[in-house]
Amino acid sequence: MGPIRSKSEGILLGMFAVTLAFYLMIFATAFSELPLQISHGHQLLLLTFHFFPMFLLQLLLCLRAKWYMKLLLPLALLAIPGFIFLQIADWAAMGWVFYLIWCIAPVSGAALAWGVWGILQIIKKCRNDQKKSRIF
């Protein structure tokens, strides 16, 4: 990807690091003790908060990476832990249900980032077209 070119990319990277660290802390505290006794608020954070790191990572990838990395890296980040979970848990159908529920937030974050990036591209194209029309 190369070095960070703009201040906004640096901010995106910093926000990604902070939200990822926060989510990992939420995840670690939820599963640190057995038997599991996770409050409803903590469960909600576990199922929804990883929307934010995935959104920020995908937006950064859309701004900086090649087209295949924009698609493959987020899919790998979801597929690898999911595959490991399904192998370890050995829950068959119930494991797939939990995995799909867990994937809703990051997939939504990635899709929203693609949408934001698409809107930014349209705005950039419109601005360039306006600049070209002023020159001639």
C-alpha atoms as a PDB file:
ATOM      1  CA  MET A   1       0.000   0.000   0.000  1.00  0.00           C
ATOM      2  CA  GLY A   2       2.817   2.444   0.639  1.00  0.00           C
ATOM      3  CA  PRO A   3       3.141   5.344   3.034  1.00  0.00           C
ATOM      4  CA  ILE A   4       0.183   7.356   4.274  1.00  0.00           C
ATOM      5  CA  ARG A   5      -0.293  10.236   1.829  1.00  0.00           C
ATOM      6  CA  SER A   6      -2.795  12.472   3.523  1.00  0.00           C
ATOM      7  CA  LYS A   7      -3.908  13.513   6.964  1.00  0.00           C
ATOM      8  CA  SER A   8      -7.320  11.884   6.452  1.00  0.00           C
ATOM      9  CA  GLU A   9      -5.697   8.507   5.747  1.00  0.00           C
ATOM     10  CA  GLY A  10      -3.658   8.843   8.931  1.00  0.00           C
ATOM     11  CA  ILE A  11      -6.805   9.648  10.890  1.00  0.00           C
ATOM     12  CA  LEU A  12      -8.589   6.631   9.373  1.00  0.00           C
ATOM     13  CA  LEU A  13      -5.670   4.370  10.294  1.00  0.00           C
ATOM     14  CA  GLY A  14      -5.550   5.720  13.854  1.00  0.00           C
ATOM     15  CA  MET A  15      -9.306   5.359  14.324  1.00  0.00           C
ATOM     16  CA  PHE A  16      -9.118   1.812  12.957  1.00  0.00           C
ATOM     17  CA  ALA A  17      -6.370   0.900  15.436  1.00  0.00           C
ATOM     18  CA  VAL A  18      -8.295   2.366  18.387  1.00  0.00           C
ATOM     19  CA  THR A  19     -11.631   0.734  17.502  1.00  0.00           C
ATOM     20  CA  LEU A  20      -9.947  -2.618  16.809  1.00  0.00           C
ATOM     21  CA  ALA A  21      -8.158  -2.507  20.166  1.00  0.00           C
ATOM     22  CA  PHE A  22     -11.449  -1.641  21.885  1.00  0.00           C
ATOM     23  CA  TYR A  23     -13.256  -4.530  20.171  1.00  0.00           C
ATOM     24  CA  LEU A  24     -10.475  -6.971  21.065  1.00  0.00           C
ATOM     25  CA  MET A  25     -10.743  -5.818  24.678  1.00  0.00           C
ATOM     26  CA  ILE A  26     -14.528  -6.374  24.603  1.00  0.00           C
ATOM     27  CA  PHE A  27     -13.988  -9.830  23.101  1.00  0.00           C
ATOM     28  CA  ALA A  28     -11.275 -10.811  25.583  1.00  0.00           C
ATOM     29  CA  THR A  29     -13.261  -9.712  28.629  1.00  0.00           C
ATOM     30  CA  ALA A  30     -16.348 -11.580  27.426  1.00  0.00           C
ATOM     31  CA  PHE A  31     -14.578 -14.916  27.082  1.00  0.00           C
ATOM     32  CA  SER A  32     -11.933 -14.637  29.803  1.00  0.00           C
ATOM     33  CA  GLU A  33     -13.878 -16.491  32.499  1.00  0.00           C
ATOM     34  CA  LEU A  34     -15.781 -19.746  32.493  1.00  0.00           C
ATOM     35  CA  PRO A  35     -18.670 -20.293  32.834  1.00  0.00           C
ATOM     36  CA  LEU A  36     -19.675 -17.505  30.487  1.00  0.00           C
ATOM     37  CA  GLN A  37     -21.817 -14.865  32.127  1.00  0.00           C
ATOM     38  CA  ILE A  38     -22.031 -12.058  29.604  1.00  0.00           C
ATOM     39  CA  SER A  39     -24.450  -9.184  30.216  1.00  0.00           C
ATOM     40  CA  HIS A  40     -26.899  -8.162  27.498  1.00  0.00           C
ATOM     41  CA  GLY A  41     -25.050  -4.896  26.861  1.00  0.00           C
ATOM     42  CA  HIS A  42     -21.782  -6.765  26.491  1.00  0.00           C
ATOM     43  CA  GLN A  43     -23.436  -9.219  24.077  1.00  0.00           C
ATOM     44  CA  LEU A  44     -24.740  -6.312  22.026  1.00  0.00           C
ATOM     45  CA  LEU A  45     -21.247  -4.814  21.831  1.00  0.00           C
ATOM     46  CA  LEU A  46     -19.811  -8.196  20.802  1.00  0.00           C
ATOM     47  CA  LEU A  47     -22.284  -8.524  17.957  1.00  0.00           C
ATOM     48  CA  THR A  48     -22.288  -4.944  16.673  1.00  0.00           C
ATOM     49  CA  PHE A  49     -19.134  -3.021  17.553  1.00  0.00           C
ATOM     50  CA  HIS A  50     -16.880  -4.699  14.984  1.00  0.00           C
ATOM     51  CA  PHE A  51     -18.890  -2.764  12.383  1.00  0.00           C
ATOM     52  CA  PHE A  52     -16.647   0.243  13.111  1.00  0.00           C
ATOM     53  CA  PRO A  53     -13.171  -1.297  12.659  1.00  0.00           C
ATOM     54  CA  MET A  54     -14.321  -3.057   9.474  1.00  0.00           C
ATOM     55  CA  PHE A  55     -15.869   0.143   8.103  1.00  0.00           C
ATOM     56  CA  LEU A  56     -12.675   2.117   8.758  1.00  0.00           C
ATOM     57  CA  LEU A  57     -10.411  -0.618   7.373  1.00  0.00           C
ATOM     58  CA  GLN A  58     -12.517  -1.025   4.239  1.00  0.00           C
ATOM     59  CA  LEU A  59     -12.651   2.732   3.645  1.00  0.00           C
ATOM     60  CA  LEU A  60      -8.871   2.938   4.021  1.00  0.00           C
ATOM     61  CA  LEU A  61      -8.478   0.015   1.604  1.00  0.00           C
ATOM     62  CA  CYS A  62     -10.816   1.663  -0.896  1.00  0.00           C
ATOM     63  CA  LEU A  63      -8.728   4.830  -0.780  1.00  0.00           C
ATOM     64  CA  ARG A  64      -5.315   3.138  -0.916  1.00  0.00           C
ATOM     65  CA  ALA A  65      -5.316  -0.476  -2.125  1.00  0.00           C
ATOM     66  CA  LYS A  66      -5.672  -2.257  -5.439  1.00  0.00           C
ATOM     67  CA  TRP A  67      -9.085  -3.576  -6.423  1.00  0.00           C
ATOM     68  CA  TYR A  68      -8.455  -7.202  -5.419  1.00  0.00           C
ATOM     69  CA  MET A  69      -7.252  -6.209  -1.939  1.00  0.00           C
ATOM     70  CA  LYS A  70     -10.429  -4.176  -1.435  1.00  0.00           C
ATOM     71  CA  LEU A  71     -12.415  -7.387  -1.729  1.00  0.00           C
ATOM     72  CA  LEU A  72     -10.106 -10.185  -0.579  1.00  0.00           C
ATOM     73  CA  LEU A  73      -8.710  -8.760   2.665  1.00  0.00           C
ATOM     74  CA  PRO A  74     -12.087  -8.151   4.376  1.00  0.00           C
ATOM     75  CA  LEU A  75     -13.321 -11.560   3.241  1.00  0.00           C
ATOM     76  CA  ALA A  76     -10.187 -13.215   4.628  1.00  0.00           C
ATOM     77  CA  LEU A  77     -10.589 -11.363   7.922  1.00  0.00           C
ATOM     78  CA  LEU A  78     -14.066 -12.870   8.242  1.00  0.00           C
ATOM     79  CA  ALA A  79     -13.391 -16.311   6.775  1.00  0.00           C
ATOM     80  CA  ILE A  80     -10.269 -17.289   8.733  1.00  0.00           C
ATOM     81  CA  PRO A  81     -11.627 -16.773  12.286  1.00  0.00           C
ATOM     82  CA  GLY A  82     -14.969 -18.224  11.216  1.00  0.00           C
ATOM     83  CA  PHE A  83     -13.378 -21.351   9.807  1.00  0.00           C
ATOM     84  CA  ILE A  84     -11.288 -21.800  12.953  1.00  0.00           C
ATOM     85  CA  PHE A  85     -14.384 -21.287  15.134  1.00  0.00           C
ATOM     86  CA  LEU A  86     -16.398 -23.828  13.162  1.00  0.00           C
ATOM     87  CA  GLN A  87     -13.591 -26.394  13.358  1.00  0.00           C
ATOM     88  CA  ILE A  88     -13.052 -25.945  17.091  1.00  0.00           C
ATOM     89  CA  ALA A  89     -16.719 -25.663  18.105  1.00  0.00           C
ATOM     90  CA  ASP A  90     -17.859 -28.646  16.008  1.00  0.00           C
ATOM     91  CA  TRP A  91     -21.451 -27.411  16.244  1.00  0.00           C
ATOM     92  CA  ALA A  92     -22.479 -28.075  12.642  1.00  0.00           C
ATOM     93  CA  ALA A  93     -25.658 -26.086  11.839  1.00  0.00           C
ATOM     94  CA  MET A  94     -25.744 -24.060  15.065  1.00  0.00           C
ATOM     95  CA  GLY A  95     -22.139 -22.971  14.497  1.00  0.00           C
ATOM     96  CA  TRP A  96     -23.040 -21.672  11.044  1.00  0.00           C
ATOM     97  CA  VAL A  97     -25.954 -19.703  12.516  1.00  0.00           C
ATOM     98  CA  PHE A  98     -23.685 -18.082  15.116  1.00  0.00           C
ATOM     99  CA  TYR A  99     -21.063 -17.372  12.456  1.00  0.00           C
ATOM    100  CA  LEU A 100     -23.597 -15.714  10.140  1.00  0.00           C
ATOM    101  CA  ILE A 101     -24.976 -13.584  12.979  1.00  0.00           C
ATOM    102  CA  TRP A 102     -21.419 -12.559  13.904  1.00  0.00           C
ATOM    103  CA  CYS A 103     -20.703 -11.583  10.247  1.00  0.00           C
ATOM    104  CA  ILE A 104     -23.651  -9.200   9.850  1.00  0.00           C
ATOM    105  CA  ALA A 105     -21.928  -6.189  11.451  1.00  0.00           C
ATOM    106  CA  PRO A 106     -18.568  -6.341   9.618  1.00  0.00           C
ATOM    107  CA  VAL A 107     -20.174  -7.079   6.257  1.00  0.00           C
ATOM    108  CA  SER A 108     -22.493  -4.102   6.804  1.00  0.00           C
ATOM    109  CA  GLY A 109     -19.476  -1.956   7.694  1.00  0.00           C
ATOM    110  CA  ALA A 110     -17.620  -3.018   4.551  1.00  0.00           C
ATOM    111  CA  ALA A 111     -20.688  -2.418   2.370  1.00  0.00           C
ATOM    112  CA  LEU A 112     -21.203   1.047   3.856  1.00  0.00           C
ATOM    113  CA  ALA A 113     -17.527   1.856   3.231  1.00  0.00           C
ATOM    114  CA  TRP A 114     -17.871   0.789  -0.410  1.00  0.00           C
ATOM    115  CA  GLY A 115     -20.923   3.051  -0.676  1.00  0.00           C
ATOM    116  CA  VAL A 116     -19.109   6.017   0.896  1.00  0.00           C
ATOM    117  CA  TRP A 117     -16.132   5.428  -1.392  1.00  0.00           C
ATOM    118  CA  GLY A 118     -18.431   5.282  -4.437  1.00  0.00           C
ATOM    119  CA  ILE A 119     -20.064   8.572  -3.455  1.00  0.00           C
ATOM    120  CA  LEU A 120     -16.617  10.138  -2.971  1.00  0.00           C
ATOM    121  CA  GLN A 121     -15.622   8.969  -6.459  1.00  0.00           C
ATOM    122  CA  ILE A 122     -18.760  10.509  -7.978  1.00  0.00           C
ATOM    123  CA  ILE A 123     -18.117  13.805  -6.156  1.00  0.00           C
ATOM    124  CA  LYS A 124     -14.484  13.799  -7.298  1.00  0.00           C
ATOM    125  CA  LYS A 125     -15.533  13.142 -10.911  1.00  0.00           C
ATOM    126  CA  CYS A 126     -18.110  15.952 -10.797  1.00  0.00           C
ATOM    127  CA  ARG A 127     -15.514  18.378  -9.427  1.00  0.00           C
ATOM    128  CA  ASN A 128     -13.030  17.391 -12.140  1.00  0.00           C
ATOM    129  CA  ASP A 129     -15.706  17.825 -14.824  1.00  0.00           C
ATOM    130  CA  GLN A 130     -16.534  21.295 -13.464  1.00  0.00           C
ATOM    131  CA  LYS A 131     -12.852  22.276 -13.500  1.00  0.00           C
ATOM    132  CA  LYS A 132     -12.480  21.065 -17.103  1.00  0.00           C
ATOM    133  CA  SER A 133     -15.577  22.985 -18.211  1.00  0.00           C
ATOM    134  CA  ARG A 134     -14.204  26.193 -16.649  1.00  0.00           C
ATOM    135  CA  ILE A 135     -10.938  25.864 -18.551  1.00  0.00           C
ATOM    136  CA  PHE A 136     -12.559  25.654 -21.975  1.00  0.00           C
END
